Amino acid sequence: SISVIFLAVLHMYLKNIYQMELRSQMRFAAECIIQDIKH
């Protein structure tokens, strides 16, 4: 039971890390495109 709970928490933690990485990459790409179009 403890192992199942630990693996579920670990999976949720990794999913949150991946979502933060994805959003960071999307913001970076958008900022690059925005700055280049703006100027």
PDB file of all heavy atoms in Angstrom:
ATOM      1  N   SER A   1       0.836  -1.208   0.000  1.00  0.00           N
ATOM      2  CA  SER A   1       0.000   0.000   0.000  1.00  0.00           C
ATOM      3  C   SER A   1       0.868   1.255   0.000  1.00  0.00           C
ATOM      4  O   SER A   1       0.608   2.200  -0.742  1.00  0.00           O
ATOM      5  CB  SER A   1      -0.926   0.003   1.210  1.00  0.00           C
ATOM      6  OG  SER A   1      -1.785  -1.089   1.185  1.00  0.00           O
ATOM      7  N   ILE A   2       1.894   1.245   0.833  1.00  0.00           N
ATOM      8  CA  ILE A   2       2.819   2.384   0.874  1.00  0.00           C
ATOM      9  C   ILE A   2       3.524   2.546  -0.463  1.00  0.00           C
ATOM     10  O   ILE A   2       3.693   3.672  -0.965  1.00  0.00           O
ATOM     11  CB  ILE A   2       3.817   2.225   2.037  1.00  0.00           C
ATOM     12  CG1 ILE A   2       3.097   2.389   3.379  1.00  0.00           C
ATOM     13  CG2 ILE A   2       4.974   3.215   1.919  1.00  0.00           C
ATOM     14  CD1 ILE A   2       3.939   2.057   4.590  1.00  0.00           C
ATOM     15  N   SER A   3       3.923   1.453  -1.100  1.00  0.00           N
ATOM     16  CA  SER A   3       4.592   1.520  -2.407  1.00  0.00           C
ATOM     17  C   SER A   3       3.674   2.098  -3.468  1.00  0.00           C
ATOM     18  O   SER A   3       4.098   2.925  -4.283  1.00  0.00           O
ATOM     19  CB  SER A   3       5.055   0.126  -2.840  1.00  0.00           C
ATOM     20  OG  SER A   3       5.992  -0.389  -1.950  1.00  0.00           O
ATOM     21  N   VAL A   4       2.415   1.679  -3.489  1.00  0.00           N
ATOM     22  CA  VAL A   4       1.459   2.201  -4.468  1.00  0.00           C
ATOM     23  C   VAL A   4       1.248   3.700  -4.257  1.00  0.00           C
ATOM     24  O   VAL A   4       1.237   4.474  -5.221  1.00  0.00           O
ATOM     25  CB  VAL A   4       0.125   1.421  -4.377  1.00  0.00           C
ATOM     26  CG1 VAL A   4      -0.978   2.132  -5.134  1.00  0.00           C
ATOM     27  CG2 VAL A   4       0.307   0.009  -4.894  1.00  0.00           C
ATOM     28  N   ILE A   5       1.116   4.114  -3.028  1.00  0.00           N
ATOM     29  CA  ILE A   5       0.941   5.544  -2.728  1.00  0.00           C
ATOM     30  C   ILE A   5       2.192   6.319  -3.136  1.00  0.00           C
ATOM     31  O   ILE A   5       2.098   7.390  -3.750  1.00  0.00           O
ATOM     32  CB  ILE A   5       0.613   5.753  -1.239  1.00  0.00           C
ATOM     33  CG1 ILE A   5      -0.782   5.209  -0.935  1.00  0.00           C
ATOM     34  CG2 ILE A   5       0.717   7.222  -0.847  1.00  0.00           C
ATOM     35  CD1 ILE A   5      -1.116   5.145   0.536  1.00  0.00           C
ATOM     36  N   PHE A   6       3.369   5.790  -2.839  1.00  0.00           N
ATOM     37  CA  PHE A   6       4.615   6.461  -3.209  1.00  0.00           C
ATOM     38  C   PHE A   6       4.735   6.600  -4.718  1.00  0.00           C
ATOM     39  O   PHE A   6       5.101   7.667  -5.228  1.00  0.00           O
ATOM     40  CB  PHE A   6       5.816   5.680  -2.659  1.00  0.00           C
ATOM     41  CG  PHE A   6       7.140   6.220  -3.111  1.00  0.00           C
ATOM     42  CD1 PHE A   6       7.641   7.395  -2.572  1.00  0.00           C
ATOM     43  CD2 PHE A   6       7.862   5.561  -4.088  1.00  0.00           C
ATOM     44  CE1 PHE A   6       8.857   7.905  -2.998  1.00  0.00           C
ATOM     45  CE2 PHE A   6       9.071   6.069  -4.529  1.00  0.00           C
ATOM     46  CZ  PHE A   6       9.577   7.240  -3.979  1.00  0.00           C
ATOM     47  N   LEU A   7       4.421   5.545  -5.470  1.00  0.00           N
ATOM     48  CA  LEU A   7       4.510   5.612  -6.931  1.00  0.00           C
ATOM     49  C   LEU A   7       3.494   6.592  -7.512  1.00  0.00           C
ATOM     50  O   LEU A   7       3.793   7.294  -8.486  1.00  0.00           O
ATOM     51  CB  LEU A   7       4.336   4.219  -7.532  1.00  0.00           C
ATOM     52  CG  LEU A   7       5.497   3.259  -7.287  1.00  0.00           C
ATOM     53  CD1 LEU A   7       5.171   1.878  -7.829  1.00  0.00           C
ATOM     54  CD2 LEU A   7       6.785   3.784  -7.903  1.00  0.00           C
ATOM     55  N   ALA A   8       2.314   6.663  -6.924  1.00  0.00           N
ATOM     56  CA  ALA A   8       1.315   7.624  -7.399  1.00  0.00           C
ATOM     57  C   ALA A   8       1.778   9.060  -7.157  1.00  0.00           C
ATOM     58  O   ALA A   8       1.640   9.923  -8.031  1.00  0.00           O
ATOM     59  CB  ALA A   8      -0.023   7.367  -6.706  1.00  0.00           C
ATOM     60  N   VAL A   9       2.345   9.311  -5.985  1.00  0.00           N
ATOM     61  CA  VAL A   9       2.867  10.647  -5.678  1.00  0.00           C
ATOM     62  C   VAL A   9       4.042  10.986  -6.591  1.00  0.00           C
ATOM     63  O   VAL A   9       4.146  12.109  -7.095  1.00  0.00           O
ATOM     64  CB  VAL A   9       3.261  10.739  -4.183  1.00  0.00           C
ATOM     65  CG1 VAL A   9       4.058  11.992  -3.898  1.00  0.00           C
ATOM     66  CG2 VAL A   9       2.029  10.692  -3.317  1.00  0.00           C
ATOM     67  N   LEU A  10       4.921  10.029  -6.840  1.00  0.00           N
ATOM     68  CA  LEU A  10       6.064  10.251  -7.733  1.00  0.00           C
ATOM     69  C   LEU A  10       5.592  10.555  -9.152  1.00  0.00           C
ATOM     70  O   LEU A  10       6.118  11.460  -9.810  1.00  0.00           O
ATOM     71  CB  LEU A  10       6.989   9.030  -7.724  1.00  0.00           C
ATOM     72  CG  LEU A  10       8.230   9.120  -8.595  1.00  0.00           C
ATOM     73  CD1 LEU A  10       9.159  10.221  -8.085  1.00  0.00           C
ATOM     74  CD2 LEU A  10       8.952   7.784  -8.616  1.00  0.00           C
ATOM     75  N   HIS A  11       4.600   9.813  -9.631  1.00  0.00           N
ATOM     76  CA  HIS A  11       4.068  10.055 -10.974  1.00  0.00           C
ATOM     77  C   HIS A  11       3.459  11.453 -11.067  1.00  0.00           C
ATOM     78  O   HIS A  11       3.666  12.167 -12.048  1.00  0.00           O
ATOM     79  CB  HIS A  11       3.031   8.990 -11.318  1.00  0.00           C
ATOM     80  CG  HIS A  11       2.435   9.151 -12.674  1.00  0.00           C
ATOM     81  ND1 HIS A  11       3.132   8.887 -13.827  1.00  0.00           N
ATOM     82  CD2 HIS A  11       1.215   9.587 -13.062  1.00  0.00           C
ATOM     83  CE1 HIS A  11       2.373   9.144 -14.864  1.00  0.00           C
ATOM     84  NE2 HIS A  11       1.199   9.574 -14.428  1.00  0.00           N
ATOM     85  N   MET A  12       2.717  11.861 -10.041  1.00  0.00           N
ATOM     86  CA  MET A  12       2.123  13.196 -10.041  1.00  0.00           C
ATOM     87  C   MET A  12       3.209  14.278  -9.997  1.00  0.00           C
ATOM     88  O   MET A  12       3.104  15.299 -10.671  1.00  0.00           O
ATOM     89  CB  MET A  12       1.167  13.350  -8.859  1.00  0.00           C
ATOM     90  CG  MET A  12       0.184  14.456  -9.076  1.00  0.00           C
ATOM     91  SD  MET A  12      -1.120  14.592  -7.854  1.00  0.00           S
ATOM     92  CE  MET A  12      -1.638  12.953  -7.566  1.00  0.00           C
ATOM     93  N   TYR A  13       4.254  14.038  -9.220  1.00  0.00           N
ATOM     94  CA  TYR A  13       5.363  14.989  -9.143  1.00  0.00           C
ATOM     95  C   TYR A  13       6.043  15.134 -10.505  1.00  0.00           C
ATOM     96  O   TYR A  13       6.299  16.256 -10.960  1.00  0.00           O
ATOM     97  CB  TYR A  13       6.364  14.504  -8.087  1.00  0.00           C
ATOM     98  CG  TYR A  13       7.635  15.302  -8.038  1.00  0.00           C
ATOM     99  CD1 TYR A  13       7.663  16.575  -7.465  1.00  0.00           C
ATOM    100  CD2 TYR A  13       8.826  14.803  -8.567  1.00  0.00           C
ATOM    101  CE1 TYR A  13       8.821  17.313  -7.421  1.00  0.00           C
ATOM    102  CE2 TYR A  13       9.990  15.533  -8.535  1.00  0.00           C
ATOM    103  CZ  TYR A  13       9.987  16.782  -7.955  1.00  0.00           C
ATOM    104  OH  TYR A  13      11.141  17.508  -7.926  1.00  0.00           O
ATOM    105  N   LEU A  14       6.323  14.022 -11.179  1.00  0.00           N
ATOM    106  CA  LEU A  14       6.949  14.082 -12.500  1.00  0.00           C
ATOM    107  C   LEU A  14       6.040  14.765 -13.515  1.00  0.00           C
ATOM    108  O   LEU A  14       6.500  15.542 -14.350  1.00  0.00           O
ATOM    109  CB  LEU A  14       7.323  12.676 -12.986  1.00  0.00           C
ATOM    110  CG  LEU A  14       8.505  12.031 -12.280  1.00  0.00           C
ATOM    111  CD1 LEU A  14       8.702  10.604 -12.762  1.00  0.00           C
ATOM    112  CD2 LEU A  14       9.772  12.839 -12.502  1.00  0.00           C
ATOM    113  N   LYS A  15       4.759  14.488 -13.438  1.00  0.00           N
ATOM    114  CA  LYS A  15       3.813  15.130 -14.352  1.00  0.00           C
ATOM    115  C   LYS A  15       3.818  16.644 -14.154  1.00  0.00           C
ATOM    116  O   LYS A  15       3.810  17.405 -15.127  1.00  0.00           O
ATOM    117  CB  LYS A  15       2.416  14.557 -14.118  1.00  0.00           C
ATOM    118  CG  LYS A  15       1.408  14.950 -15.140  1.00  0.00           C
ATOM    119  CD  LYS A  15       0.110  14.206 -14.909  1.00  0.00           C
ATOM    120  CE  LYS A  15      -0.922  14.627 -15.918  1.00  0.00           C
ATOM    121  NZ  LYS A  15      -2.182  13.922 -15.743  1.00  0.00           N
ATOM    122  N   ASN A  16       3.866  17.093 -12.898  1.00  0.00           N
ATOM    123  CA  ASN A  16       3.932  18.534 -12.627  1.00  0.00           C
ATOM    124  C   ASN A  16       5.236  19.134 -13.114  1.00  0.00           C
ATOM    125  O   ASN A  16       5.254  20.248 -13.647  1.00  0.00           O
ATOM    126  CB  ASN A  16       3.741  18.802 -11.140  1.00  0.00           C
ATOM    127  CG  ASN A  16       2.314  18.631 -10.698  1.00  0.00           C
ATOM    128  OD1 ASN A  16       1.395  18.713 -11.508  1.00  0.00           O
ATOM    129  ND2 ASN A  16       2.112  18.358  -9.429  1.00  0.00           N
ATOM    130  N   ILE A  17       6.349  18.422 -12.941  1.00  0.00           N
ATOM    131  CA  ILE A  17       7.643  18.907 -13.451  1.00  0.00           C
ATOM    132  C   ILE A  17       7.586  19.054 -14.971  1.00  0.00           C
ATOM    133  O   ILE A  17       8.044  20.050 -15.527  1.00  0.00           O
ATOM    134  CB  ILE A  17       8.782  17.937 -13.052  1.00  0.00           C
ATOM    135  CG1 ILE A  17       8.991  17.946 -11.562  1.00  0.00           C
ATOM    136  CG2 ILE A  17      10.060  18.236 -13.811  1.00  0.00           C
ATOM    137  CD1 ILE A  17      10.019  18.896 -11.049  1.00  0.00           C
ATOM    138  N   TYR A  18       7.018  18.056 -15.658  1.00  0.00           N
ATOM    139  CA  TYR A  18       6.916  18.107 -17.119  1.00  0.00           C
ATOM    140  C   TYR A  18       6.005  19.240 -17.566  1.00  0.00           C
ATOM    141  O   TYR A  18       6.270  19.898 -18.567  1.00  0.00           O
ATOM    142  CB  TYR A  18       6.423  16.776 -17.672  1.00  0.00           C
ATOM    143  CG  TYR A  18       7.426  15.649 -17.557  1.00  0.00           C
ATOM    144  CD1 TYR A  18       7.072  14.347 -17.787  1.00  0.00           C
ATOM    145  CD2 TYR A  18       8.748  15.885 -17.209  1.00  0.00           C
ATOM    146  CE1 TYR A  18       7.984  13.307 -17.688  1.00  0.00           C
ATOM    147  CE2 TYR A  18       9.666  14.865 -17.094  1.00  0.00           C
ATOM    148  CZ  TYR A  18       9.279  13.579 -17.339  1.00  0.00           C
ATOM    149  OH  TYR A  18      10.180  12.568 -17.251  1.00  0.00           O
ATOM    150  N   GLN A  19       4.914  19.479 -16.827  1.00  0.00           N
ATOM    151  CA  GLN A  19       4.038  20.593 -17.181  1.00  0.00           C
ATOM    152  C   GLN A  19       4.746  21.931 -17.008  1.00  0.00           C
ATOM    153  O   GLN A  19       4.593  22.830 -17.838  1.00  0.00           O
ATOM    154  CB  GLN A  19       2.760  20.553 -16.343  1.00  0.00           C
ATOM    155  CG  GLN A  19       1.806  19.470 -16.760  1.00  0.00           C
ATOM    156  CD  GLN A  19       0.580  19.398 -15.882  1.00  0.00           C
ATOM    157  OE1 GLN A  19       0.449  20.114 -14.897  1.00  0.00           O
ATOM    158  NE2 GLN A  19      -0.339  18.513 -16.229  1.00  0.00           N
ATOM    159  N   MET A  20       5.529  22.067 -15.952  1.00  0.00           N
ATOM    160  CA  MET A  20       6.292  23.313 -15.760  1.00  0.00           C
ATOM    161  C   MET A  20       7.315  23.486 -16.873  1.00  0.00           C
ATOM    162  O   MET A  20       7.500  24.597 -17.384  1.00  0.00           O
ATOM    163  CB  MET A  20       6.972  23.313 -14.397  1.00  0.00           C
ATOM    164  CG  MET A  20       6.018  23.510 -13.244  1.00  0.00           C
ATOM    165  SD  MET A  20       6.766  23.756 -11.621  1.00  0.00           S
ATOM    166  CE  MET A  20       8.024  22.525 -11.527  1.00  0.00           C
ATOM    167  N   GLU A  21       7.984  22.415 -17.271  1.00  0.00           N
ATOM    168  CA  GLU A  21       8.969  22.490 -18.359  1.00  0.00           C
ATOM    169  C   GLU A  21       8.289  22.861 -19.672  1.00  0.00           C
ATOM    170  O   GLU A  21       8.781  23.693 -20.426  1.00  0.00           O
ATOM    171  CB  GLU A  21       9.707  21.156 -18.488  1.00  0.00           C
ATOM    172  CG  GLU A  21      10.693  21.112 -19.630  1.00  0.00           C
ATOM    173  CD  GLU A  21      11.865  22.066 -19.466  1.00  0.00           C
ATOM    174  OE1 GLU A  21      12.194  22.449 -18.333  1.00  0.00           O
ATOM    175  OE2 GLU A  21      12.459  22.447 -20.496  1.00  0.00           O
ATOM    176  N   LEU A  22       7.148  22.247 -19.943  1.00  0.00           N
ATOM    177  CA  LEU A  22       6.408  22.554 -21.164  1.00  0.00           C
ATOM    178  C   LEU A  22       5.989  24.019 -21.185  1.00  0.00           C
ATOM    179  O   LEU A  22       6.207  24.722 -22.176  1.00  0.00           O
ATOM    180  CB  LEU A  22       5.181  21.651 -21.282  1.00  0.00           C
ATOM    181  CG  LEU A  22       4.208  22.001 -22.406  1.00  0.00           C
ATOM    182  CD1 LEU A  22       4.857  21.765 -23.755  1.00  0.00           C
ATOM    183  CD2 LEU A  22       2.929  21.195 -22.269  1.00  0.00           C
ATOM    184  N   ARG A  23       5.411  24.488 -20.101  1.00  0.00           N
ATOM    185  CA  ARG A  23       4.977  25.889 -20.054  1.00  0.00           C
ATOM    186  C   ARG A  23       6.151  26.843 -20.151  1.00  0.00           C
ATOM    187  O   ARG A  23       6.057  27.892 -20.785  1.00  0.00           O
ATOM    188  CB  ARG A  23       4.187  26.138 -18.779  1.00  0.00           C
ATOM    189  CG  ARG A  23       2.845  25.466 -18.808  1.00  0.00           C
ATOM    190  CD  ARG A  23       2.092  25.657 -17.544  1.00  0.00           C
ATOM    191  NE  ARG A  23       0.805  24.963 -17.624  1.00  0.00           N
ATOM    192  CZ  ARG A  23       0.104  24.623 -16.596  1.00  0.00           C
ATOM    193  NH1 ARG A  23       0.510  24.926 -15.377  1.00  0.00           N
ATOM    194  NH2 ARG A  23      -1.039  23.992 -16.740  1.00  0.00           N
ATOM    195  N   SER A  24       7.267  26.483 -19.570  1.00  0.00           N
ATOM    196  CA  SER A  24       8.467  27.311 -19.666  1.00  0.00           C
ATOM    197  C   SER A  24       8.957  27.376 -21.114  1.00  0.00           C
ATOM    198  O   SER A  24       9.305  28.453 -21.607  1.00  0.00           O
ATOM    199  CB  SER A  24       9.554  26.740 -18.757  1.00  0.00           C
ATOM    200  OG  SER A  24      10.766  27.398 -18.944  1.00  0.00           O
ATOM    201  N   GLN A  25       8.987  26.238 -21.796  1.00  0.00           N
ATOM    202  CA  GLN A  25       9.404  26.235 -23.197  1.00  0.00           C
ATOM    203  C   GLN A  25       8.433  27.019 -24.071  1.00  0.00           C
ATOM    204  O   GLN A  25       8.857  27.742 -24.980  1.00  0.00           O
ATOM    205  CB  GLN A  25       9.521  24.797 -23.707  1.00  0.00           C
ATOM    206  CG  GLN A  25      10.728  24.070 -23.208  1.00  0.00           C
ATOM    207  CD  GLN A  25      10.876  22.703 -23.836  1.00  0.00           C
ATOM    208  OE1 GLN A  25      10.250  22.382 -24.839  1.00  0.00           O
ATOM    209  NE2 GLN A  25      11.734  21.887 -23.247  1.00  0.00           N
ATOM    210  N   MET A  26       7.142  26.883 -23.794  1.00  0.00           N
ATOM    211  CA  MET A  26       6.152  27.623 -24.588  1.00  0.00           C
ATOM    212  C   MET A  26       6.289  29.127 -24.361  1.00  0.00           C
ATOM    213  O   MET A  26       6.219  29.909 -25.313  1.00  0.00           O
ATOM    214  CB  MET A  26       4.741  27.147 -24.242  1.00  0.00           C
ATOM    215  CG  MET A  26       4.426  25.760 -24.762  1.00  0.00           C
ATOM    216  SD  MET A  26       2.822  25.136 -24.246  1.00  0.00           S
ATOM    217  CE  MET A  26       1.710  26.231 -25.096  1.00  0.00           C
ATOM    218  N   ARG A  27       6.484  29.550 -23.104  1.00  0.00           N
ATOM    219  CA  ARG A  27       6.674  30.982 -22.820  1.00  0.00           C
ATOM    220  C   ARG A  27       7.941  31.507 -23.486  1.00  0.00           C
ATOM    221  O   ARG A  27       7.948  32.615 -24.038  1.00  0.00           O
ATOM    222  CB  ARG A  27       6.724  31.224 -21.320  1.00  0.00           C
ATOM    223  CG  ARG A  27       5.385  31.299 -20.658  1.00  0.00           C
ATOM    224  CD  ARG A  27       5.471  31.857 -19.244  1.00  0.00           C
ATOM    225  NE  ARG A  27       6.415  31.122 -18.416  1.00  0.00           N
ATOM    226  CZ  ARG A  27       6.110  30.084 -17.656  1.00  0.00           C
ATOM    227  NH1 ARG A  27       4.882  29.639 -17.628  1.00  0.00           N
ATOM    228  NH2 ARG A  27       7.031  29.491 -16.920  1.00  0.00           N
ATOM    229  N   PHE A  28       9.030  30.730 -23.442  1.00  0.00           N
ATOM    230  CA  PHE A  28      10.280  31.165 -24.055  1.00  0.00           C
ATOM    231  C   PHE A  28      10.113  31.321 -25.567  1.00  0.00           C
ATOM    232  O   PHE A  28      10.537  32.327 -26.151  1.00  0.00           O
ATOM    233  CB  PHE A  28      11.400  30.169 -23.740  1.00  0.00           C
ATOM    234  CG  PHE A  28      12.690  30.496 -24.415  1.00  0.00           C
ATOM    235  CD1 PHE A  28      13.454  31.574 -23.997  1.00  0.00           C
ATOM    236  CD2 PHE A  28      13.152  29.731 -25.470  1.00  0.00           C
ATOM    237  CE1 PHE A  28      14.648  31.884 -24.627  1.00  0.00           C
ATOM    238  CE2 PHE A  28      14.338  30.032 -26.111  1.00  0.00           C
ATOM    239  CZ  PHE A  28      15.094  31.111 -25.686  1.00  0.00           C
ATOM    240  N   ALA A  29       9.499  30.324 -26.210  1.00  0.00           N
ATOM    241  CA  ALA A  29       9.294  30.399 -27.659  1.00  0.00           C
ATOM    242  C   ALA A  29       8.392  31.575 -28.020  1.00  0.00           C
ATOM    243  O   ALA A  29       8.673  32.318 -28.970  1.00  0.00           O
ATOM    244  CB  ALA A  29       8.699  29.088 -28.174  1.00  0.00           C
ATOM    245  N   ALA A  30       7.325  31.765 -27.251  1.00  0.00           N
ATOM    246  CA  ALA A  30       6.418  32.883 -27.522  1.00  0.00           C
ATOM    247  C   ALA A  30       7.136  34.213 -27.352  1.00  0.00           C
ATOM    248  O   ALA A  30       6.979  35.122 -28.174  1.00  0.00           O
ATOM    249  CB  ALA A  30       5.198  32.813 -26.600  1.00  0.00           C
ATOM    250  N   GLU A  31       7.938  34.333 -26.295  1.00  0.00           N
ATOM    251  CA  GLU A  31       8.665  35.589 -26.063  1.00  0.00           C
ATOM    252  C   GLU A  31       9.656  35.879 -27.190  1.00  0.00           C
ATOM    253  O   GLU A  31       9.786  37.022 -27.629  1.00  0.00           O
ATOM    254  CB  GLU A  31       9.378  35.536 -24.715  1.00  0.00           C
ATOM    255  CG  GLU A  31       9.944  36.851 -24.269  1.00  0.00           C
ATOM    256  CD  GLU A  31       8.899  37.939 -24.095  1.00  0.00           C
ATOM    257  OE1 GLU A  31       7.766  37.649 -23.685  1.00  0.00           O
ATOM    258  OE2 GLU A  31       9.226  39.104 -24.379  1.00  0.00           O
ATOM    259  N   CYS A  32      10.341  34.861 -27.678  1.00  0.00           N
ATOM    260  CA  CYS A  32      11.270  35.053 -28.805  1.00  0.00           C
ATOM    261  C   CYS A  32      10.524  35.524 -30.057  1.00  0.00           C
ATOM    262  O   CYS A  32      10.940  36.478 -30.719  1.00  0.00           O
ATOM    263  CB  CYS A  32      12.011  33.751 -29.112  1.00  0.00           C
ATOM    264  SG  CYS A  32      13.266  33.319 -27.912  1.00  0.00           S
ATOM    265  N   ILE A  33       9.424  34.848 -30.382  1.00  0.00           N
ATOM    266  CA  ILE A  33       8.646  35.217 -31.567  1.00  0.00           C
ATOM    267  C   ILE A  33       8.063  36.615 -31.403  1.00  0.00           C
ATOM    268  O   ILE A  33       8.105  37.435 -32.327  1.00  0.00           O
ATOM    269  CB  ILE A  33       7.540  34.171 -31.835  1.00  0.00           C
ATOM    270  CG1 ILE A  33       8.152  32.808 -32.185  1.00  0.00           C
ATOM    271  CG2 ILE A  33       6.624  34.631 -32.959  1.00  0.00           C
ATOM    272  CD1 ILE A  33       7.147  31.670 -32.252  1.00  0.00           C
ATOM    273  N   ILE A  34       7.531  36.924 -30.225  1.00  0.00           N
ATOM    274  CA  ILE A  34       6.938  38.241 -29.969  1.00  0.00           C
ATOM    275  C   ILE A  34       7.978  39.344 -30.139  1.00  0.00           C
ATOM    276  O   ILE A  34       7.723  40.355 -30.798  1.00  0.00           O
ATOM    277  CB  ILE A  34       6.302  38.285 -28.559  1.00  0.00           C
ATOM    278  CG1 ILE A  34       5.037  37.440 -28.522  1.00  0.00           C
ATOM    279  CG2 ILE A  34       6.022  39.714 -28.127  1.00  0.00           C
ATOM    280  CD1 ILE A  34       4.514  37.180 -27.127  1.00  0.00           C
ATOM    281  N   GLN A  35       9.151  39.165 -29.541  1.00  0.00           N
ATOM    282  CA  GLN A  35      10.190  40.197 -29.642  1.00  0.00           C
ATOM    283  C   GLN A  35      10.637  40.396 -31.084  1.00  0.00           C
ATOM    284  O   GLN A  35      10.856  41.531 -31.521  1.00  0.00           O
ATOM    285  CB  GLN A  35      11.392  39.836 -28.767  1.00  0.00           C
ATOM    286  CG  GLN A  35      11.143  39.998 -27.288  1.00  0.00           C
ATOM    287  CD  GLN A  35      10.756  41.428 -26.935  1.00  0.00           C
ATOM    288  OE1 GLN A  35      11.354  42.397 -27.396  1.00  0.00           O
ATOM    289  NE2 GLN A  35       9.734  41.550 -26.105  1.00  0.00           N
ATOM    290  N   ASP A  36      10.776  39.309 -31.837  1.00  0.00           N
ATOM    291  CA  ASP A  36      11.211  39.441 -33.232  1.00  0.00           C
ATOM    292  C   ASP A  36      10.139  40.087 -34.099  1.00  0.00           C
ATOM    293  O   ASP A  36      10.449  40.908 -34.959  1.00  0.00           O
ATOM    294  CB  ASP A  36      11.624  38.077 -33.796  1.00  0.00           C
ATOM    295  CG  ASP A  36      12.957  37.605 -33.231  1.00  0.00           C
ATOM    296  OD1 ASP A  36      13.740  38.452 -32.750  1.00  0.00           O
ATOM    297  OD2 ASP A  36      13.223  36.391 -33.270  1.00  0.00           O
ATOM    298  N   ILE A  37       8.882  39.735 -33.892  1.00  0.00           N
ATOM    299  CA  ILE A  37       7.802  40.376 -34.662  1.00  0.00           C
ATOM    300  C   ILE A  37       7.676  41.841 -34.262  1.00  0.00           C
ATOM    301  O   ILE A  37       7.496  42.719 -35.108  1.00  0.00           O
ATOM    302  CB  ILE A  37       6.465  39.632 -34.457  1.00  0.00           C
ATOM    303  CG1 ILE A  37       6.497  38.278 -35.163  1.00  0.00           C
ATOM    304  CG2 ILE A  37       5.294  40.466 -34.981  1.00  0.00           C
ATOM    305  CD1 ILE A  37       5.263  37.434 -34.936  1.00  0.00           C
ATOM    306  N   LYS A  38       7.790  42.128 -32.976  1.00  0.00           N
ATOM    307  CA  LYS A  38       7.631  43.497 -32.478  1.00  0.00           C
ATOM    308  C   LYS A  38       8.645  44.447 -33.118  1.00  0.00           C
ATOM    309  O   LYS A  38       8.314  45.576 -33.458  1.00  0.00           O
ATOM    310  CB  LYS A  38       7.803  43.504 -30.956  1.00  0.00           C
ATOM    311  CG  LYS A  38       7.340  44.773 -30.290  1.00  0.00           C
ATOM    312  CD  LYS A  38       7.575  44.730 -28.801  1.00  0.00           C
ATOM    313  CE  LYS A  38       6.573  43.816 -28.146  1.00  0.00           C
ATOM    314  NZ  LYS A  38       6.676  43.839 -26.674  1.00  0.00           N
ATOM    315  N   HIS A  39       9.863  43.995 -33.306  1.00  0.00           N
ATOM    316  CA  HIS A  39      10.918  44.867 -33.841  1.00  0.00           C
ATOM    317  C   HIS A  39      11.220  44.591 -35.311  1.00  0.00           C
ATOM    318  O   HIS A  39      12.260  45.025 -35.814  1.00  0.00           O
ATOM    319  CB  HIS A  39      12.187  44.705 -33.004  1.00  0.00           C
ATOM    320  CG  HIS A  39      11.990  45.073 -31.572  1.00  0.00           C
ATOM    321  ND1 HIS A  39      11.756  46.361 -31.160  1.00  0.00           N
ATOM    322  CD2 HIS A  39      11.935  44.315 -30.451  1.00  0.00           C
ATOM    323  CE1 HIS A  39      11.591  46.389 -29.852  1.00  0.00           C
ATOM    324  NE2 HIS A  39      11.691  45.153 -29.392  1.00  0.00           N
TER     325      HIS A  39
END
